[in-house]
PDB file of N, CA and C in Angstrom:
ATOM      1  N   UNK A   1      24.034  22.502  -4.972  1.00  0.00           N
ATOM      2  CA  UNK A   1      23.394  23.334  -4.068  1.00  0.00           C
ATOM      3  C   UNK A   1      21.787  22.936  -4.901  1.00  0.00           C
ATOM      4  N   UNK A   2      21.734  23.422  -5.716  1.00  0.00           N
ATOM      5  CA  UNK A   2      20.117  23.230  -6.530  1.00  0.00           C
ATOM      6  C   UNK A   2      19.824  21.629  -6.536  1.00  0.00           C
ATOM      7  N   UNK A   3      21.019  20.828  -7.210  1.00  0.00           N
ATOM      8  CA  UNK A   3      21.261  19.533  -7.193  1.00  0.00           C
ATOM      9  C   UNK A   3      20.318  18.830  -5.876  1.00  0.00           C
ATOM     10  N   UNK A   4      20.923  19.464  -4.785  1.00  0.00           N
ATOM     11  CA  UNK A   4      20.907  18.526  -3.472  1.00  0.00           C
ATOM     12  C   UNK A   4      19.155  19.116  -3.352  1.00  0.00           C
ATOM     13  N   UNK A   5      18.866  20.244  -3.355  1.00  0.00           N
ATOM     14  CA  UNK A   5      17.596  21.181  -3.684  1.00  0.00           C
ATOM     15  C   UNK A   5      16.582  20.806  -4.187  1.00  0.00           C
ATOM     16  N   UNK A   6      16.534  19.873  -5.710  1.00  0.00           N
ATOM     17  CA  UNK A   6      15.844  19.309  -6.360  1.00  0.00           C
ATOM     18  C   UNK A   6      15.906  17.503  -5.862  1.00  0.00           C
ATOM     19  N   UNK A   7      16.875  16.899  -5.519  1.00  0.00           N
ATOM     20  CA  UNK A   7      16.452  15.819  -4.901  1.00  0.00           C
ATOM     21  C   UNK A   7      15.693  15.421  -3.787  1.00  0.00           C
ATOM     22  N   UNK A   8      16.035  16.281  -2.853  1.00  0.00           N
ATOM     23  CA  UNK A   8      14.856  16.837  -1.573  1.00  0.00           C
ATOM     24  C   UNK A   8      13.561  17.114  -2.359  1.00  0.00           C
ATOM     25  N   UNK A   9      13.233  17.681  -3.080  1.00  0.00           N
ATOM     26  CA  UNK A   9      12.111  18.004  -3.664  1.00  0.00           C
ATOM     27  C   UNK A   9      11.579  16.372  -3.837  1.00  0.00           C
ATOM     28  N   UNK A  10      12.454  15.928  -5.161  1.00  0.00           N
ATOM     29  CA  UNK A  10      12.153  14.970  -5.614  1.00  0.00           C
ATOM     30  C   UNK A  10      11.647  13.780  -4.276  1.00  0.00           C
ATOM     31  N   UNK A  11      12.154  13.581  -3.551  1.00  0.00           N
ATOM     32  CA  UNK A  11      11.815  12.288  -2.673  1.00  0.00           C
ATOM     33  C   UNK A  11      10.911  13.086  -1.679  1.00  0.00           C
ATOM     34  N   UNK A  12      10.762  14.392  -1.458  1.00  0.00           N
ATOM     35  CA  UNK A  12       9.543  14.616  -0.557  1.00  0.00           C
ATOM     36  C   UNK A  12       8.115  14.327  -1.453  1.00  0.00           C
ATOM     37  N   UNK A  13       8.154  14.857  -3.012  1.00  0.00           N
ATOM     38  CA  UNK A  13       6.693  14.529  -3.233  1.00  0.00           C
ATOM     39  C   UNK A  13       6.860  13.318  -3.598  1.00  0.00           C
ATOM     40  N   UNK A  14       7.573  12.361  -3.746  1.00  0.00           N
ATOM     41  CA  UNK A  14       7.516  10.644  -4.157  1.00  0.00           C
ATOM     42  C   UNK A  14       6.991  10.126  -2.666  1.00  0.00           C
ATOM     43  N   UNK A  15       7.238  10.532  -1.608  1.00  0.00           N
ATOM     44  CA  UNK A  15       6.832  10.488  -0.590  1.00  0.00           C
ATOM     45  C   UNK A  15       5.835  11.057  -0.322  1.00  0.00           C
ATOM     46  N   UNK A  16       5.080  12.205  -0.757  1.00  0.00           N
ATOM     47  CA  UNK A  16       3.343  12.667  -0.403  1.00  0.00           C
ATOM     48  C   UNK A  16       2.757  11.234  -1.445  1.00  0.00           C
ATOM     49  N   UNK A  17       3.089  11.312  -3.000  1.00  0.00           N
ATOM     50  CA  UNK A  17       2.915  10.864  -3.360  1.00  0.00           C
ATOM     51  C   UNK A  17       2.201   8.981  -3.010  1.00  0.00           C
ATOM     52  N   UNK A  18       3.423   8.612  -2.418  1.00  0.00           N
ATOM     53  CA  UNK A  18       3.305   7.141  -2.268  1.00  0.00           C
ATOM     54  C   UNK A  18       2.236   6.843  -0.691  1.00  0.00           C
ATOM     55  N   UNK A  19       2.233   7.691  -0.201  1.00  0.00           N
ATOM     56  CA  UNK A  19       1.509   7.762   0.926  1.00  0.00           C
ATOM     57  C   UNK A  19       0.014   8.169   0.370  1.00  0.00           C
ATOM     58  N   UNK A  20      -0.362   9.097  -0.214  1.00  0.00           N
ATOM     59  CA  UNK A  20      -1.661   8.585  -1.047  1.00  0.00           C
ATOM     60  C   UNK A  20      -2.145   7.622  -1.918  1.00  0.00           C
ATOM     61  N   UNK A  21      -0.805   7.249  -2.528  1.00  0.00           N
ATOM     62  CA  UNK A  21      -1.305   5.831  -3.329  1.00  0.00           C
ATOM     63  C   UNK A  21      -1.400   4.489  -1.890  1.00  0.00           C
ATOM     64  N   UNK A  22      -0.832   4.569  -0.640  1.00  0.00           N
ATOM     65  CA  UNK A  22      -1.223   3.634   0.492  1.00  0.00           C
ATOM     66  C   UNK A  22      -2.432   3.959   0.567  1.00  0.00           C
ATOM     67  N   UNK A  23      -3.142   5.091   1.052  1.00  0.00           N
ATOM     68  CA  UNK A  23      -4.299   5.599   1.795  1.00  0.00           C
ATOM     69  C   UNK A  23      -5.080   4.892   0.656  1.00  0.00           C
ATOM     70  N   UNK A  24      -5.422   4.833  -0.553  1.00  0.00           N
ATOM     71  CA  UNK A  24      -6.037   4.280  -1.331  1.00  0.00           C
ATOM     72  C   UNK A  24      -6.058   3.050  -1.269  1.00  0.00           C
ATOM     73  N   UNK A  25      -5.133   2.325  -1.240  1.00  0.00           N
ATOM     74  CA  UNK A  25      -4.929   1.219  -1.532  1.00  0.00           C
ATOM     75  C   UNK A  25      -4.990   0.492  -0.517  1.00  0.00           C
ATOM     76  N   UNK A  26      -4.916   0.527   0.885  1.00  0.00           N
ATOM     77  CA  UNK A  26      -5.806   0.410   2.511  1.00  0.00           C
ATOM     78  C   UNK A  26      -7.529   0.049   2.166  1.00  0.00           C
ATOM     79  N   UNK A  27      -7.582   1.222   1.375  1.00  0.00           N
ATOM     80  CA  UNK A  27      -9.446   1.289   1.433  1.00  0.00           C
ATOM     81  C   UNK A  27      -9.653   0.100   0.331  1.00  0.00           C
ATOM     82  N   UNK A  28      -8.981   0.236  -0.509  1.00  0.00           N
ATOM     83  CA  UNK A  28      -9.495  -0.943  -1.490  1.00  0.00           C
ATOM     84  C   UNK A  28      -8.935  -2.016  -1.159  1.00  0.00           C
ATOM     85  N   UNK A  29      -7.935  -2.275  -0.503  1.00  0.00           N
ATOM     86  CA  UNK A  29      -8.097  -3.370   0.327  1.00  0.00           C
ATOM     87  C   UNK A  29      -9.065  -4.093   1.180  1.00  0.00           C
ATOM     88  N   UNK A  30      -9.406  -2.996   1.956  1.00  0.00           N
ATOM     89  CA  UNK A  30     -10.878  -3.483   3.135  1.00  0.00           C
ATOM     90  C   UNK A  30     -12.018  -3.929   2.684  1.00  0.00           C
ATOM     91  N   UNK A  31     -11.943  -3.122   1.030  1.00  0.00           N
ATOM     92  CA  UNK A  31     -13.505  -3.634   0.277  1.00  0.00           C
ATOM     93  C   UNK A  31     -13.472  -4.929  -0.433  1.00  0.00           C
ATOM     94  N   UNK A  32     -12.146  -5.127  -1.045  1.00  0.00           N
ATOM     95  CA  UNK A  32     -11.790  -6.206  -1.385  1.00  0.00           C
ATOM     96  C   UNK A  32     -12.521  -7.715   0.041  1.00  0.00           C
ATOM     97  N   UNK A  33     -11.470  -7.416   0.884  1.00  0.00           N
ATOM     98  CA  UNK A  33     -12.169  -8.304   2.371  1.00  0.00           C
ATOM     99  C   UNK A  33     -13.309  -8.342   2.510  1.00  0.00           C
ATOM    100  N   UNK A  34     -13.933  -7.339   2.854  1.00  0.00           N
ATOM    101  CA  UNK A  34     -15.775  -6.902   2.381  1.00  0.00           C
ATOM    102  C   UNK A  34     -16.361  -7.816   2.106  1.00  0.00           C
ATOM    103  N   UNK A  35     -15.936  -7.731   0.563  1.00  0.00           N
ATOM    104  CA  UNK A  35     -16.418  -8.723  -0.705  1.00  0.00           C
ATOM    105  C   UNK A  35     -16.396 -10.052  -0.624  1.00  0.00           C
ATOM    106  N   UNK A  36     -15.299 -10.514   0.254  1.00  0.00           N
ATOM    107  CA  UNK A  36     -14.907 -11.839   0.408  1.00  0.00           C
ATOM    108  C   UNK A  36     -15.743 -12.366   1.084  1.00  0.00           C
ATOM    109  N   UNK A  37     -15.581 -11.185   2.259  1.00  0.00           N
ATOM    110  CA  UNK A  37     -16.913 -11.960   3.503  1.00  0.00           C
ATOM    111  C   UNK A  37     -18.060 -12.285   3.230  1.00  0.00           C
ATOM    112  N   UNK A  38     -18.470 -11.456   2.417  1.00  0.00           N
ATOM    113  CA  UNK A  38     -20.100 -11.481   1.913  1.00  0.00           C
ATOM    114  C   UNK A  38     -19.926 -12.858   1.055  1.00  0.00           C
ATOM    115  N   UNK A  39     -19.667 -12.935   0.392  1.00  0.00           N
ATOM    116  CA  UNK A  39     -19.094 -13.870  -0.927  1.00  0.00           C
ATOM    117  C   UNK A  39     -19.025 -15.487  -0.348  1.00  0.00           C
ATOM    118  N   UNK A  40     -18.462 -15.735   1.021  1.00  0.00           N
ATOM    119  CA  UNK A  40     -18.278 -16.610   1.996  1.00  0.00           C
ATOM    120  C   UNK A  40     -19.299 -16.770   2.789  1.00  0.00           C
ATOM    121  N   UNK A  41     -20.420 -15.780   3.092  1.00  0.00           N
ATOM    122  CA  UNK A  41     -21.617 -15.560   3.737  1.00  0.00           C
ATOM    123  C   UNK A  41     -22.865 -16.267   2.811  1.00  0.00           C
ATOM    124  N   UNK A  42     -22.459 -16.028   1.617  1.00  0.00           N
ATOM    125  CA  UNK A  42     -23.657 -16.361   0.319  1.00  0.00           C
ATOM    126  C   UNK A  42     -23.597 -17.960   0.437  1.00  0.00           C
ATOM    127  N   UNK A  43     -21.883 -17.922   0.165  1.00  0.00           N
ATOM    128  CA  UNK A  43     -21.612 -19.711  -0.320  1.00  0.00           C
ATOM    129  C   UNK A  43     -22.035 -20.773   0.986  1.00  0.00           C
ATOM    130  N   UNK A  44     -21.907 -20.223   2.321  1.00  0.00           N
ATOM    131  CA  UNK A  44     -22.485 -20.839   3.622  1.00  0.00           C
ATOM    132  C   UNK A  44     -23.729 -20.739   3.705  1.00  0.00           C
ATOM    133  N   UNK A  45     -24.629 -20.160   2.703  1.00  0.00           N
ATOM    134  CA  UNK A  45     -25.972 -20.155   2.654  1.00  0.00           C
ATOM    135  C   UNK A  45     -26.601 -20.700   1.801  1.00  0.00           C
ATOM    136  N   UNK A  46     -25.481 -21.372   0.848  1.00  0.00           N
ATOM    137  CA  UNK A  46     -25.822 -22.052  -0.604  1.00  0.00           C
ATOM    138  C   UNK A  46     -26.219 -21.214  -1.665  1.00  0.00           C
ATOM    139  N   UNK A  47     -25.835 -20.046  -1.748  1.00  0.00           N
ATOM    140  CA  UNK A  47     -26.448 -18.714  -3.125  1.00  0.00           C
ATOM    141  C   UNK A  47     -25.117 -18.397  -3.658  1.00  0.00           C
ATOM    142  N   UNK A  48     -24.071 -19.173  -3.672  1.00  0.00           N
ATOM    143  CA  UNK A  48     -22.701 -18.762  -3.973  1.00  0.00           C
ATOM    144  C   UNK A  48     -21.871 -20.227  -4.516  1.00  0.00           C
ATOM    145  N   UNK A  49     -21.255 -20.042  -5.671  1.00  0.00           N
ATOM    146  CA  UNK A  49     -20.240 -20.887  -5.949  1.00  0.00           C
ATOM    147  C   UNK A  49     -18.757 -20.848  -5.316  1.00  0.00           C
ATOM    148  N   UNK A  50     -18.320 -22.010  -5.151  1.00  0.00           N
ATOM    149  CA  UNK A  50     -16.779 -21.768  -4.692  1.00  0.00           C
ATOM    150  C   UNK A  50     -15.757 -21.085  -5.872  1.00  0.00           C
ATOM    151  N   UNK A  51     -15.484 -20.908  -7.127  1.00  0.00           N
ATOM    152  CA  UNK A  51     -15.126 -20.663  -7.749  1.00  0.00           C
ATOM    153  C   UNK A  51     -15.270 -18.643  -7.814  1.00  0.00           C
ATOM    154  N   UNK A  52     -16.459 -18.504  -7.366  1.00  0.00           N
ATOM    155  CA  UNK A  52     -16.682 -17.035  -6.973  1.00  0.00           C
ATOM    156  C   UNK A  52     -16.080 -16.810  -6.097  1.00  0.00           C
ATOM    157  N   UNK A  53     -15.715 -17.682  -4.746  1.00  0.00           N
ATOM    158  CA  UNK A  53     -15.128 -17.104  -3.564  1.00  0.00           C
ATOM    159  C   UNK A  53     -13.766 -17.214  -3.566  1.00  0.00           C
ATOM    160  N   UNK A  54     -13.363 -18.369  -4.222  1.00  0.00           N
ATOM    161  CA  UNK A  54     -12.094 -18.343  -4.849  1.00  0.00           C
ATOM    162  C   UNK A  54     -11.429 -17.034  -5.417  1.00  0.00           C
ATOM    163  N   UNK A  55     -11.870 -16.657  -6.736  1.00  0.00           N
ATOM    164  CA  UNK A  55     -12.219 -15.365  -7.240  1.00  0.00           C
ATOM    165  C   UNK A  55     -11.986 -14.113  -6.553  1.00  0.00           C
ATOM    166  N   UNK A  56     -13.092 -14.265  -5.602  1.00  0.00           N
ATOM    167  CA  UNK A  56     -12.589 -13.115  -4.299  1.00  0.00           C
ATOM    168  C   UNK A  56     -11.595 -13.180  -3.669  1.00  0.00           C
ATOM    169  N   UNK A  57     -11.156 -13.982  -3.247  1.00  0.00           N
ATOM    170  CA  UNK A  57     -10.401 -14.447  -2.320  1.00  0.00           C
ATOM    171  C   UNK A  57      -8.922 -14.157  -2.982  1.00  0.00           C
ATOM    172  N   UNK A  58      -9.137 -14.454  -4.297  1.00  0.00           N
ATOM    173  CA  UNK A  58      -7.466 -14.352  -4.869  1.00  0.00           C
ATOM    174  C   UNK A  58      -7.376 -12.851  -5.437  1.00  0.00           C
ATOM    175  N   UNK A  59      -8.966 -11.760  -5.623  1.00  0.00           N
ATOM    176  CA  UNK A  59      -8.515 -10.388  -5.202  1.00  0.00           C
ATOM    177  C   UNK A  59      -8.026  -9.535  -4.799  1.00  0.00           C
ATOM    178  N   UNK A  60      -8.306 -10.726  -3.147  1.00  0.00           N
ATOM    179  CA  UNK A  60      -8.122  -9.682  -1.957  1.00  0.00           C
ATOM    180  C   UNK A  60      -6.791  -9.926  -1.340  1.00  0.00           C
ATOM    181  N   UNK A  61      -6.283 -11.502  -2.076  1.00  0.00           N
ATOM    182  CA  UNK A  61      -4.644 -11.274  -2.047  1.00  0.00           C
ATOM    183  C   UNK A  61      -3.557 -10.406  -2.626  1.00  0.00           C
ATOM    184  N   UNK A  62      -4.145 -10.187  -4.307  1.00  0.00           N
ATOM    185  CA  UNK A  62      -3.839  -9.547  -4.955  1.00  0.00           C
ATOM    186  C   UNK A  62      -3.283  -8.282  -4.101  1.00  0.00           C
ATOM    187  N   UNK A  63      -4.511  -7.508  -3.948  1.00  0.00           N
ATOM    188  CA  UNK A  63      -4.696  -6.040  -3.610  1.00  0.00           C
ATOM    189  C   UNK A  63      -4.006  -6.245  -2.196  1.00  0.00           C
ATOM    190  N   UNK A  64      -3.603  -6.906  -1.428  1.00  0.00           N
ATOM    191  CA  UNK A  64      -2.656  -7.222  -0.223  1.00  0.00           C
ATOM    192  C   UNK A  64      -1.267  -7.017  -0.713  1.00  0.00           C
ATOM    193  N   UNK A  65      -0.957  -7.603  -1.066  1.00  0.00           N
ATOM    194  CA  UNK A  65       0.115  -7.431  -2.259  1.00  0.00           C
ATOM    195  C   UNK A  65       0.592  -6.734  -2.196  1.00  0.00           C
ATOM    196  N   UNK A  66      -0.379  -5.621  -3.275  1.00  0.00           N
ATOM    197  CA  UNK A  66       0.100  -4.376  -3.766  1.00  0.00           C
ATOM    198  C   UNK A  66       0.401  -3.007  -2.208  1.00  0.00           C
ATOM    199  N   UNK A  67      -0.776  -3.328  -2.000  1.00  0.00           N
ATOM    200  CA  UNK A  67      -0.667  -2.561  -0.372  1.00  0.00           C
ATOM    201  C   UNK A  67       0.683  -2.605   0.245  1.00  0.00           C
ATOM    202  N   UNK A  68       1.402  -3.972   0.773  1.00  0.00           N
ATOM    203  CA  UNK A  68       2.397  -4.243   1.223  1.00  0.00           C
ATOM    204  C   UNK A  68       3.969  -3.857   0.405  1.00  0.00           C
ATOM    205  N   UNK A  69       3.773  -4.056  -1.629  1.00  0.00           N
ATOM    206  CA  UNK A  69       4.962  -3.496  -1.777  1.00  0.00           C
ATOM    207  C   UNK A  69       4.547  -1.966  -1.629  1.00  0.00           C
ATOM    208  N   UNK A  70       3.557  -1.322  -1.686  1.00  0.00           N
ATOM    209  CA  UNK A  70       3.571  -0.115  -1.701  1.00  0.00           C
ATOM    210  C   UNK A  70       3.938   0.454  -0.530  1.00  0.00           C
ATOM    211  N   UNK A  71       3.582  -0.264   0.668  1.00  0.00           N
ATOM    212  CA  UNK A  71       4.135   0.096   2.030  1.00  0.00           C
ATOM    213  C   UNK A  71       5.317   0.353   2.085  1.00  0.00           C
ATOM    214  N   UNK A  72       6.328  -1.036   1.197  1.00  0.00           N
ATOM    215  CA  UNK A  72       7.882  -0.771   1.630  1.00  0.00           C
ATOM    216  C   UNK A  72       8.174   0.285   0.751  1.00  0.00           C
ATOM    217  N   UNK A  73       7.720   0.499  -0.335  1.00  0.00           N
ATOM    218  CA  UNK A  73       8.046   1.690  -0.890  1.00  0.00           C
ATOM    219  C   UNK A  73       8.579   3.050  -0.333  1.00  0.00           C
ATOM    220  N   UNK A  74       6.763   3.203   0.376  1.00  0.00           N
ATOM    221  CA  UNK A  74       6.833   4.300   0.916  1.00  0.00           C
ATOM    222  C   UNK A  74       7.780   4.814   2.200  1.00  0.00           C
ATOM    223  N   UNK A  75       8.176   3.465   2.963  1.00  0.00           N
ATOM    224  CA  UNK A  75       9.013   3.639   3.736  1.00  0.00           C
ATOM    225  C   UNK A  75      10.521   3.923   3.383  1.00  0.00           C
ATOM    226  N   UNK A  76      11.119   3.384   2.467  1.00  0.00           N
ATOM    227  CA  UNK A  76      11.965   3.637   1.995  1.00  0.00           C
ATOM    228  C   UNK A  76      12.172   5.145   1.086  1.00  0.00           C
ATOM    229  N   UNK A  77      11.232   5.389   0.891  1.00  0.00           N
ATOM    230  CA  UNK A  77      10.752   6.888   0.702  1.00  0.00           C
ATOM    231  C   UNK A  77      11.558   8.038   1.589  1.00  0.00           C
ATOM    232  N   UNK A  78      10.738   7.381   2.501  1.00  0.00           N
ATOM    233  CA  UNK A  78      11.161   8.166   3.570  1.00  0.00           C
ATOM    234  C   UNK A  78      12.559   7.999   3.937  1.00  0.00           C
ATOM    235  N   UNK A  79      12.840   7.544   4.307  1.00  0.00           N
ATOM    236  CA  UNK A  79      14.170   7.070   4.641  1.00  0.00           C
ATOM    237  C   UNK A  79      15.635   8.191   3.276  1.00  0.00           C
ATOM    238  N   UNK A  80      15.049   8.008   2.289  1.00  0.00           N
ATOM    239  CA  UNK A  80      15.538   8.621   1.457  1.00  0.00           C
ATOM    240  C   UNK A  80      15.741  10.107   1.522  1.00  0.00           C
ATOM    241  N   UNK A  81      14.441  10.325   1.848  1.00  0.00           N
ATOM    242  CA  UNK A  81      14.751  12.159   2.057  1.00  0.00           C
ATOM    243  C   UNK A  81      15.341  12.307   3.210  1.00  0.00           C
ATOM    244  N   UNK A  82      14.496  11.592   4.295  1.00  0.00           N
ATOM    245  CA  UNK A  82      15.866  11.846   5.222  1.00  0.00           C
ATOM    246  C   UNK A  82      17.100  11.784   4.903  1.00  0.00           C
ATOM    247  N   UNK A  83      17.968  10.773   4.185  1.00  0.00           N
ATOM    248  CA  UNK A  83      19.139  10.588   3.493  1.00  0.00           C
ATOM    249  C   UNK A  83      19.379  12.121   3.270  1.00  0.00           C
ATOM    250  N   UNK A  84      18.955  12.253   2.412  1.00  0.00           N
ATOM    251  CA  UNK A  84      19.235  14.019   1.687  1.00  0.00           C
ATOM    252  C   UNK A  84      18.686  14.866   2.040  1.00  0.00           C
ATOM    253  N   UNK A  85      18.716  14.628   3.489  1.00  0.00           N
ATOM    254  CA  UNK A  85      18.523  16.011   4.129  1.00  0.00           C
ATOM    255  C   UNK A  85      19.695  15.595   5.503  1.00  0.00           C
ATOM    256  N   UNK A  86      20.064  14.643   4.919  1.00  0.00           N
ATOM    257  CA  UNK A  86      21.356  14.894   6.128  1.00  0.00           C
ATOM    258  C   UNK A  86      21.026  14.340   7.554  1.00  0.00           C
ATOM    259  N   UNK A  87      20.114  13.942   7.848  1.00  0.00           N
ATOM    260  CA  UNK A  87      19.443  13.677   9.365  1.00  0.00           C
ATOM    261  C   UNK A  87      19.084  12.001   9.562  1.00  0.00           C
ATOM    262  N   UNK A  88      19.515  11.156   8.620  1.00  0.00           N
ATOM    263  CA  UNK A  88      19.443   9.812   9.060  1.00  0.00           C
ATOM    264  C   UNK A  88      19.985   9.094   9.884  1.00  0.00           C
ATOM    265  N   UNK A  89      21.057   9.682   9.884  1.00  0.00           N
ATOM    266  CA  UNK A  89      22.268   8.852  11.344  1.00  0.00           C
ATOM    267  C   UNK A  89      21.546   9.155  12.826  1.00  0.00           C
ATOM    268  N   UNK A  90      20.907  10.550  13.035  1.00  0.00           N
ATOM    269  CA  UNK A  90      20.181  10.746  13.991  1.00  0.00           C
ATOM    270  C   UNK A  90      18.688   9.886  14.270  1.00  0.00           C
ATOM    271  N   UNK A  91      18.143   9.445  13.074  1.00  0.00           N
ATOM    272  CA  UNK A  91      16.641   9.058  13.296  1.00  0.00           C
ATOM    273  C   UNK A  91      16.955   7.320  13.062  1.00  0.00           C
ATOM    274  N   UNK A  92      17.918   7.175  12.484  1.00  0.00           N
ATOM    275  CA  UNK A  92      18.295   5.431  13.134  1.00  0.00           C
ATOM    276  C   UNK A  92      18.774   4.804  14.307  1.00  0.00           C
ATOM    277  N   UNK A  93      19.794   5.640  14.818  1.00  0.00           N
ATOM    278  CA  UNK A  93      20.356   5.915  16.725  1.00  0.00           C
ATOM    279  C   UNK A  93      18.948   5.908  17.187  1.00  0.00           C
TER     280      UNK A  93
END
């Protein structure tokens, strides 16, 4: 019984932590996108180089990949938590 309760608490806390990380990564991703858009505007005005635009784009892509991976981990963690509670079949149906 104690082992089950500890597993439930662990899954719940993991889900909370992943949600906080997900929120932070969403903000980070938005900021990288803004930086990319600004750099593209500077490039179009002739004040930047293609190297810098590519660098900003790579950072934005990497940020997006981290967001997507964390999102999938978060969703899996939610399912693990519901599974530990024994209510997963009701949610899936």
